[in-house]
Amino acid sequence: MRPSKKEAEQNDIKEKMRPVYCPKCGWKILDAVKGTKTQTRFPYKGRYPDLYMKCGHCGAEVGIIKTE
C-alpha cells in the first residue's frame, strides 16, 4: 500500500531514496534506498539479473543486479 503525502513527509522517505538510471538513455527507471548498491546492465545469455525493468523512455529491457 502506498503511503500518503503526509506520511511520506513525516518519515523522510524521499530523502532516503536515490534514482537508478537506464544505461542506454539515462532516463530514471526507479528509486532505490540510498544504502542499496545496484548495477544496471543489458541482459544477455549467461547473465541472470535479480530484476528486469523496461525503460519507459527508450523501451530497452534493463537487468538490475543488487550487489549488497
Protein backbone atom coordinates (compact mmCIF):
# COMPACT_ATOMS: atom_id res chain seq x y z
CA MET A 1 0.00 0.00 0.00
CA ARG A 2 1.31 3.43 -0.95
CA PRO A 3 1.84 5.94 1.89
CA SER A 4 0.03 9.25 1.77
CA LYS A 5 1.91 12.50 1.11
CA LYS A 6 1.72 13.42 4.77
CA GLU A 7 3.18 10.07 5.87
CA ALA A 8 5.97 10.38 3.31
CA GLU A 9 6.87 13.85 4.58
CA GLN A 10 6.85 12.74 8.21
CA ASN A 11 9.00 9.66 7.59
CA ASP A 12 11.52 11.42 5.31
CA ILE A 13 11.08 8.66 2.73
CA LYS A 14 12.08 10.86 -0.19
CA GLU A 15 15.36 11.85 1.47
CA LYS A 16 16.36 8.19 1.77
CA MET A 17 15.80 7.44 -1.93
CA ARG A 18 18.12 7.77 -4.90
CA PRO A 19 17.33 7.34 -8.59
CA VAL A 20 18.51 4.42 -10.75
CA TYR A 21 19.02 5.34 -14.39
CA CYS A 22 18.70 3.48 -17.69
CA PRO A 23 22.20 2.65 -19.07
CA LYS A 24 21.04 3.31 -22.65
CA CYS A 25 19.29 6.70 -22.48
CA GLY A 26 19.94 7.97 -18.92
CA TRP A 27 16.23 8.20 -18.03
CA LYS A 28 15.23 7.43 -14.41
CA ILE A 29 13.68 3.95 -14.24
CA LEU A 30 13.20 3.51 -10.48
CA ASP A 31 14.09 4.73 -7.00
CA ALA A 32 16.21 2.73 -4.57
CA VAL A 33 17.14 3.21 -0.92
CA LYS A 34 20.45 5.10 -0.57
CA GLY A 35 22.24 2.19 1.16
CA THR A 36 21.41 -0.28 -1.62
CA LYS A 37 24.07 -0.81 -4.29
CA THR A 38 22.79 -1.77 -7.72
CA GLN A 39 24.20 -2.37 -11.18
CA THR A 40 22.15 -1.87 -14.33
CA ARG A 41 23.09 -3.99 -17.33
CA PHE A 42 21.52 -5.19 -20.52
CA PRO A 43 20.59 -8.85 -20.03
CA TYR A 44 22.34 -11.43 -22.22
CA LYS A 45 22.88 -15.18 -22.19
CA GLY A 46 24.79 -16.31 -19.11
CA ARG A 47 23.95 -13.23 -17.03
CA TYR A 48 20.89 -13.50 -14.82
CA PRO A 49 19.95 -10.24 -13.09
CA ASP A 50 17.83 -10.11 -9.94
CA LEU A 51 15.21 -7.83 -11.53
CA TYR A 52 14.11 -6.83 -15.01
CA MET A 53 12.67 -3.42 -15.91
CA LYS A 54 11.63 -1.94 -19.21
CA CYS A 55 12.63 1.69 -19.67
CA GLY A 56 9.57 3.85 -20.22
CA HIS A 57 11.55 6.29 -22.36
CA CYS A 58 13.58 4.20 -24.83
CA GLY A 59 11.94 0.77 -24.36
CA ALA A 60 15.20 -1.04 -23.53
CA GLU A 61 14.98 -4.09 -21.28
CA VAL A 62 17.32 -3.45 -18.34
CA GLY A 63 18.61 -6.05 -15.90
CA ILE A 64 19.16 -4.87 -12.34
CA ILE A 65 21.66 -6.66 -10.12
CA LYS A 66 21.57 -5.97 -6.39
CA THR A 67 25.19 -6.07 -5.20
CA GLU A 68 24.56 -5.55 -1.46
